[in-house]
């Protein structure tokens, strides 16, 4: 299976947080078939700027972490914008909507604990 790690799960993976289930920690440690949307790095940068996220690592360091952990960073592609329009508007977070579209466009299973996404949007997920 191929996995797209959502922003919260990615941040939790940096410190091997107990917020992640043991099965997700194992998936990430194996470092196979893991992807991160470029959107996640954008979201982290924005949230650090507006002081909604206290994370020591820079986006450059996060990219290096991905490289070392064999997590491929996926670029934002135009077809995602079309896909966003087909996602029901029950989830207003623009970052999450773009992450969802990235998963759909690339046929990936999202690692997340976002209950709105899990319960309301037609995409595959793996509970973080």
N, C-alpha and C. Protein backbone atom coordinates (compact mmCIF):
# COMPACT_ATOMS: atom_id res chain seq x y z
N UNK A 1 0.83 -1.17 0.00
CA UNK A 1 0.00 0.00 0.00
C UNK A 1 0.88 1.24 0.00
N UNK A 2 0.41 2.32 -0.63
CA UNK A 2 1.13 3.59 -0.68
C UNK A 2 0.42 4.61 0.19
N UNK A 3 1.18 5.32 1.02
CA UNK A 3 0.61 6.20 2.03
C UNK A 3 1.02 7.65 1.84
N UNK A 4 0.06 8.54 2.04
CA UNK A 4 0.31 9.97 2.12
C UNK A 4 0.14 10.36 3.58
N UNK A 5 1.17 10.91 4.17
CA UNK A 5 1.14 11.28 5.59
C UNK A 5 0.57 12.69 5.71
N UNK A 6 -0.50 12.85 6.48
CA UNK A 6 -1.06 14.19 6.64
C UNK A 6 -0.17 15.00 7.58
N UNK A 7 -0.46 16.27 7.71
CA UNK A 7 0.42 17.19 8.43
C UNK A 7 0.61 16.80 9.89
N UNK A 8 -0.48 16.54 10.61
CA UNK A 8 -0.34 16.17 12.03
C UNK A 8 0.47 14.90 12.20
N UNK A 9 0.15 13.88 11.41
CA UNK A 9 0.89 12.62 11.51
C UNK A 9 2.36 12.83 11.19
N UNK A 10 2.65 13.69 10.22
CA UNK A 10 4.04 13.98 9.87
C UNK A 10 4.76 14.64 11.04
N UNK A 11 4.14 15.63 11.63
CA UNK A 11 4.77 16.32 12.78
C UNK A 11 4.99 15.34 13.92
N UNK A 12 3.99 14.50 14.19
CA UNK A 12 4.14 13.50 15.25
C UNK A 12 5.25 12.51 14.94
N UNK A 13 5.45 12.22 13.66
CA UNK A 13 6.49 11.25 13.29
C UNK A 13 7.90 11.78 13.55
N UNK A 14 8.05 13.09 13.60
CA UNK A 14 9.37 13.67 13.81
C UNK A 14 9.96 13.27 15.16
N UNK A 15 9.10 13.13 16.16
CA UNK A 15 9.58 12.79 17.49
C UNK A 15 9.09 11.44 17.96
N UNK A 16 8.59 10.64 17.05
CA UNK A 16 8.06 9.32 17.40
C UNK A 16 7.02 9.46 18.51
N UNK A 17 6.10 10.38 18.33
CA UNK A 17 5.08 10.73 19.31
C UNK A 17 4.15 9.57 19.63
N UNK A 18 3.73 9.48 20.89
CA UNK A 18 2.73 8.48 21.26
C UNK A 18 1.35 8.78 20.64
N UNK A 19 1.20 9.97 20.04
CA UNK A 19 -0.05 10.29 19.35
C UNK A 19 -0.28 9.35 18.17
N UNK A 20 0.81 8.82 17.62
CA UNK A 20 0.69 7.87 16.51
C UNK A 20 0.48 6.47 17.03
N UNK A 21 -0.36 5.72 16.35
CA UNK A 21 -0.54 4.32 16.72
C UNK A 21 0.76 3.56 16.46
N UNK A 22 0.91 2.44 17.14
CA UNK A 22 2.12 1.64 16.94
C UNK A 22 2.21 1.14 15.50
N UNK A 23 1.07 0.84 14.88
CA UNK A 23 1.11 0.36 13.50
C UNK A 23 1.58 1.46 12.54
N UNK A 24 1.17 2.70 12.79
CA UNK A 24 1.62 3.81 11.93
C UNK A 24 3.10 4.08 12.17
N UNK A 25 3.53 4.05 13.42
CA UNK A 25 4.96 4.24 13.69
C UNK A 25 5.78 3.19 12.95
N UNK A 26 5.29 1.96 12.91
CA UNK A 26 5.98 0.88 12.20
C UNK A 26 6.01 1.15 10.69
N UNK A 27 4.90 1.58 10.14
CA UNK A 27 4.83 1.90 8.70
C UNK A 27 5.87 2.97 8.35
N UNK A 28 5.94 4.00 9.18
CA UNK A 28 6.86 5.11 8.92
C UNK A 28 8.31 4.66 9.10
N UNK A 29 8.58 3.86 10.11
CA UNK A 29 9.94 3.37 10.32
C UNK A 29 10.42 2.49 9.18
N UNK A 30 9.51 1.74 8.57
CA UNK A 30 9.88 0.88 7.44
C UNK A 30 10.30 1.73 6.25
N UNK A 31 9.74 2.93 6.13
CA UNK A 31 10.14 3.86 5.08
C UNK A 31 9.88 3.38 3.67
N UNK A 32 8.79 2.67 3.47
CA UNK A 32 8.46 2.19 2.12
C UNK A 32 7.12 2.76 1.70
N UNK A 33 7.08 3.24 0.47
CA UNK A 33 5.83 3.72 -0.12
C UNK A 33 5.21 4.86 0.68
N UNK A 34 6.05 5.77 1.17
CA UNK A 34 5.59 6.91 1.95
C UNK A 34 5.72 8.20 1.14
N UNK A 35 4.69 9.02 1.25
CA UNK A 35 4.66 10.28 0.51
C UNK A 35 4.20 11.40 1.43
N UNK A 36 4.62 12.60 1.10
CA UNK A 36 4.21 13.80 1.80
C UNK A 36 3.86 14.83 0.74
N UNK A 37 2.73 15.48 0.90
CA UNK A 37 2.38 16.54 -0.03
C UNK A 37 3.21 17.78 0.27
N UNK A 38 3.60 18.46 -0.76
CA UNK A 38 4.30 19.73 -0.61
C UNK A 38 3.42 20.69 0.20
N UNK A 39 2.13 20.46 0.15
CA UNK A 39 1.17 21.25 0.92
C UNK A 39 1.50 21.22 2.41
N UNK A 40 1.95 20.08 2.91
CA UNK A 40 2.27 19.96 4.33
C UNK A 40 3.38 20.92 4.72
N UNK A 41 4.41 21.01 3.89
CA UNK A 41 5.51 21.94 4.20
C UNK A 41 5.02 23.39 4.16
N UNK A 42 4.14 23.69 3.22
CA UNK A 42 3.55 25.01 3.11
C UNK A 42 2.72 25.31 4.37
N UNK A 43 1.89 24.34 4.78
CA UNK A 43 1.07 24.52 5.97
C UNK A 43 1.92 24.74 7.21
N UNK A 44 2.97 23.97 7.36
CA UNK A 44 3.87 24.13 8.51
C UNK A 44 4.50 25.52 8.50
N UNK A 45 4.97 25.97 7.34
CA UNK A 45 5.59 27.30 7.24
C UNK A 45 4.60 28.40 7.63
N UNK A 46 3.37 28.30 7.12
CA UNK A 46 2.35 29.31 7.45
C UNK A 46 2.04 29.29 8.94
N UNK A 47 1.81 28.10 9.50
CA UNK A 47 1.43 28.02 10.91
C UNK A 47 2.57 28.44 11.84
N UNK A 48 3.81 28.21 11.44
CA UNK A 48 4.92 28.71 12.24
C UNK A 48 4.96 30.24 12.19
N UNK A 49 4.71 30.80 11.02
CA UNK A 49 4.74 32.25 10.84
C UNK A 49 3.71 32.95 11.70
N UNK A 50 2.50 32.38 11.77
CA UNK A 50 1.43 33.02 12.53
C UNK A 50 1.37 32.50 13.98
N UNK A 51 2.41 31.78 14.38
CA UNK A 51 2.57 31.31 15.77
C UNK A 51 1.49 30.31 16.20
N UNK A 52 0.97 29.54 15.25
CA UNK A 52 0.02 28.47 15.59
C UNK A 52 0.73 27.13 15.74
N UNK A 53 2.02 27.12 15.45
CA UNK A 53 2.80 25.89 15.54
C UNK A 53 4.18 26.24 16.05
N UNK A 54 4.58 25.55 17.10
CA UNK A 54 5.91 25.74 17.66
C UNK A 54 6.74 24.51 17.28
N UNK A 55 7.47 24.63 16.20
CA UNK A 55 8.28 23.53 15.69
C UNK A 55 9.67 24.07 15.41
N UNK A 56 10.68 23.46 15.97
CA UNK A 56 12.05 23.97 15.85
C UNK A 56 12.61 23.81 14.44
N UNK A 57 12.24 22.71 13.77
CA UNK A 57 12.83 22.41 12.45
C UNK A 57 12.38 23.40 11.39
N UNK A 58 13.32 23.77 10.52
CA UNK A 58 12.99 24.60 9.36
C UNK A 58 12.41 23.70 8.27
N UNK A 59 11.83 24.31 7.26
CA UNK A 59 11.30 23.50 6.16
C UNK A 59 12.44 22.79 5.43
N UNK A 60 13.61 23.38 5.39
CA UNK A 60 14.77 22.71 4.79
C UNK A 60 15.13 21.45 5.59
N UNK A 61 15.12 21.57 6.91
CA UNK A 61 15.40 20.41 7.76
C UNK A 61 14.33 19.34 7.61
N UNK A 62 13.08 19.76 7.43
CA UNK A 62 12.00 18.79 7.23
C UNK A 62 12.16 18.06 5.90
N UNK A 63 12.59 18.78 4.88
CA UNK A 63 12.88 18.13 3.60
C UNK A 63 14.00 17.10 3.76
N UNK A 64 15.02 17.45 4.51
CA UNK A 64 16.13 16.53 4.75
C UNK A 64 15.66 15.31 5.52
N UNK A 65 14.79 15.52 6.50
CA UNK A 65 14.21 14.40 7.25
C UNK A 65 13.47 13.45 6.30
N UNK A 66 12.69 14.02 5.38
CA UNK A 66 11.96 13.20 4.40
C UNK A 66 12.93 12.40 3.55
N UNK A 67 13.97 13.04 3.10
CA UNK A 67 14.98 12.35 2.28
C UNK A 67 15.58 11.18 3.04
N UNK A 68 15.96 11.41 4.28
CA UNK A 68 16.59 10.37 5.10
C UNK A 68 15.61 9.25 5.46
N UNK A 69 14.32 9.59 5.59
CA UNK A 69 13.31 8.60 5.96
C UNK A 69 12.65 7.96 4.73
N UNK A 70 13.17 8.25 3.54
CA UNK A 70 12.60 7.73 2.29
C UNK A 70 11.14 8.11 2.10
N UNK A 71 10.82 9.35 2.45
CA UNK A 71 9.49 9.90 2.22
C UNK A 71 9.60 10.82 1.00
N UNK A 72 8.88 10.49 -0.05
CA UNK A 72 8.92 11.28 -1.27
C UNK A 72 7.95 12.46 -1.15
N UNK A 73 8.45 13.67 -1.40
CA UNK A 73 7.61 14.86 -1.36
C UNK A 73 6.97 15.05 -2.73
N UNK A 74 5.63 15.06 -2.73
CA UNK A 74 4.89 15.23 -3.98
C UNK A 74 4.59 16.70 -4.23
N UNK A 75 4.82 17.17 -5.45
CA UNK A 75 4.52 18.55 -5.77
C UNK A 75 3.00 18.75 -5.89
N UNK A 76 2.60 19.99 -5.78
CA UNK A 76 1.20 20.35 -6.01
C UNK A 76 1.02 20.43 -7.53
N UNK A 77 0.08 19.65 -8.05
CA UNK A 77 -0.14 19.63 -9.49
C UNK A 77 -1.52 20.20 -9.83
N UNK A 78 -1.66 20.73 -11.02
CA UNK A 78 -2.90 21.41 -11.42
C UNK A 78 -4.13 20.53 -11.31
N UNK A 79 -4.01 19.25 -11.59
CA UNK A 79 -5.20 18.39 -11.54
C UNK A 79 -5.78 18.32 -10.12
N UNK A 80 -4.98 18.60 -9.12
CA UNK A 80 -5.49 18.63 -7.74
C UNK A 80 -6.54 19.72 -7.57
N UNK A 81 -6.37 20.82 -8.28
CA UNK A 81 -7.33 21.92 -8.15
C UNK A 81 -8.70 21.53 -8.69
N UNK A 82 -8.72 20.73 -9.73
CA UNK A 82 -9.99 20.22 -10.25
C UNK A 82 -10.60 19.23 -9.26
N UNK A 83 -9.77 18.38 -8.69
CA UNK A 83 -10.26 17.39 -7.72
C UNK A 83 -10.84 18.07 -6.49
N UNK A 84 -10.22 19.14 -6.04
CA UNK A 84 -10.72 19.88 -4.87
C UNK A 84 -12.18 20.25 -5.07
N UNK A 85 -12.54 20.61 -6.30
CA UNK A 85 -13.90 21.04 -6.58
C UNK A 85 -14.92 19.92 -6.45
N UNK A 86 -14.46 18.67 -6.50
CA UNK A 86 -15.38 17.54 -6.37
C UNK A 86 -15.50 17.04 -4.93
N UNK A 87 -14.68 17.57 -4.04
CA UNK A 87 -14.72 17.15 -2.64
C UNK A 87 -15.85 17.92 -1.94
N UNK A 88 -16.75 17.22 -1.24
CA UNK A 88 -17.82 17.93 -0.53
C UNK A 88 -17.23 18.99 0.40
N UNK A 89 -17.91 20.12 0.52
CA UNK A 89 -17.38 21.22 1.32
C UNK A 89 -17.77 21.08 2.79
N UNK A 90 -17.46 19.95 3.36
CA UNK A 90 -17.68 19.75 4.78
C UNK A 90 -16.38 19.98 5.55
N UNK A 91 -15.32 20.12 4.80
CA UNK A 91 -14.01 20.33 5.41
C UNK A 91 -13.44 21.60 4.80
N UNK A 92 -13.48 22.70 5.56
CA UNK A 92 -13.10 23.99 5.02
C UNK A 92 -11.63 24.32 5.04
N UNK A 93 -10.81 23.50 5.70
CA UNK A 93 -9.38 23.79 5.79
C UNK A 93 -8.75 23.62 4.40
N UNK A 94 -8.23 24.70 3.82
CA UNK A 94 -7.69 24.60 2.45
C UNK A 94 -6.47 23.66 2.35
N UNK A 95 -5.67 23.59 3.41
CA UNK A 95 -4.52 22.69 3.38
C UNK A 95 -5.00 21.24 3.34
N UNK A 96 -5.95 20.92 4.20
CA UNK A 96 -6.46 19.55 4.22
C UNK A 96 -7.14 19.19 2.90
N UNK A 97 -7.86 20.12 2.33
CA UNK A 97 -8.53 19.85 1.05
C UNK A 97 -7.51 19.54 -0.04
N UNK A 98 -6.39 20.25 -0.04
CA UNK A 98 -5.34 19.99 -1.03
C UNK A 98 -4.62 18.67 -0.75
N UNK A 99 -4.44 18.34 0.50
CA UNK A 99 -3.84 17.04 0.86
C UNK A 99 -4.76 15.91 0.42
N UNK A 100 -6.06 16.06 0.66
CA UNK A 100 -7.04 15.05 0.21
C UNK A 100 -6.98 14.90 -1.30
N UNK A 101 -6.97 16.01 -2.01
CA UNK A 101 -6.91 15.97 -3.48
C UNK A 101 -5.63 15.30 -3.96
N UNK A 102 -4.53 15.56 -3.29
CA UNK A 102 -3.25 14.93 -3.65
C UNK A 102 -3.35 13.42 -3.48
N UNK A 103 -3.97 12.98 -2.39
CA UNK A 103 -4.13 11.53 -2.17
C UNK A 103 -5.00 10.91 -3.26
N UNK A 104 -6.08 11.57 -3.60
CA UNK A 104 -6.98 11.05 -4.63
C UNK A 104 -6.27 11.00 -5.97
N UNK A 105 -5.60 12.07 -6.35
CA UNK A 105 -4.92 12.15 -7.64
C UNK A 105 -3.80 11.12 -7.79
N UNK A 106 -3.16 10.77 -6.67
CA UNK A 106 -2.03 9.84 -6.72
C UNK A 106 -2.38 8.45 -6.21
N UNK A 107 -3.68 8.21 -5.98
CA UNK A 107 -4.17 6.91 -5.52
C UNK A 107 -3.43 6.45 -4.26
N UNK A 108 -3.41 7.33 -3.25
CA UNK A 108 -2.71 7.06 -2.00
C UNK A 108 -3.71 6.96 -0.85
N UNK A 109 -3.33 6.22 0.16
CA UNK A 109 -4.09 6.12 1.40
C UNK A 109 -3.54 7.14 2.37
N UNK A 110 -4.40 7.98 2.94
CA UNK A 110 -3.95 9.03 3.85
C UNK A 110 -3.80 8.47 5.26
N UNK A 111 -2.66 8.74 5.87
CA UNK A 111 -2.47 8.45 7.29
C UNK A 111 -2.93 9.70 8.04
N UNK A 112 -4.02 9.57 8.79
CA UNK A 112 -4.62 10.73 9.45
C UNK A 112 -5.44 10.31 10.66
N UNK A 113 -5.72 11.28 11.53
CA UNK A 113 -6.69 11.08 12.60
C UNK A 113 -7.80 12.12 12.49
N UNK A 114 -7.90 12.77 11.35
CA UNK A 114 -8.90 13.80 11.11
C UNK A 114 -10.27 13.13 10.95
N UNK A 115 -11.12 13.26 11.97
CA UNK A 115 -12.41 12.58 11.95
C UNK A 115 -13.33 13.05 10.83
N UNK A 116 -13.27 14.32 10.48
CA UNK A 116 -14.10 14.81 9.37
C UNK A 116 -13.70 14.11 8.09
N UNK A 117 -12.42 14.06 7.83
CA UNK A 117 -11.93 13.40 6.62
C UNK A 117 -12.31 11.92 6.64
N UNK A 118 -12.06 11.27 7.75
CA UNK A 118 -12.28 9.83 7.87
C UNK A 118 -13.75 9.48 7.67
N UNK A 119 -14.63 10.27 8.22
CA UNK A 119 -16.05 9.92 8.21
C UNK A 119 -16.85 10.49 7.05
N UNK A 120 -16.38 11.53 6.41
CA UNK A 120 -17.22 12.23 5.45
C UNK A 120 -16.73 12.29 4.02
N UNK A 121 -15.47 12.01 3.78
CA UNK A 121 -14.92 12.18 2.44
C UNK A 121 -14.57 10.83 1.87
N UNK A 122 -14.90 10.64 0.61
CA UNK A 122 -14.70 9.34 -0.04
C UNK A 122 -13.26 9.20 -0.50
N UNK A 123 -12.39 8.82 0.42
CA UNK A 123 -11.02 8.51 0.07
C UNK A 123 -10.52 7.47 1.07
N UNK A 124 -9.45 6.79 0.73
CA UNK A 124 -8.91 5.77 1.62
C UNK A 124 -8.08 6.45 2.71
N UNK A 125 -8.18 5.91 3.91
CA UNK A 125 -7.39 6.46 5.01
C UNK A 125 -6.91 5.32 5.90
N UNK A 126 -5.91 5.62 6.67
CA UNK A 126 -5.38 4.70 7.67
C UNK A 126 -5.30 5.51 8.95
N UNK A 127 -5.98 5.09 9.98
CA UNK A 127 -6.07 5.88 11.22
C UNK A 127 -4.72 5.97 11.89
N UNK A 128 -4.27 7.20 12.07
CA UNK A 128 -3.00 7.45 12.73
C UNK A 128 -3.13 7.15 14.20
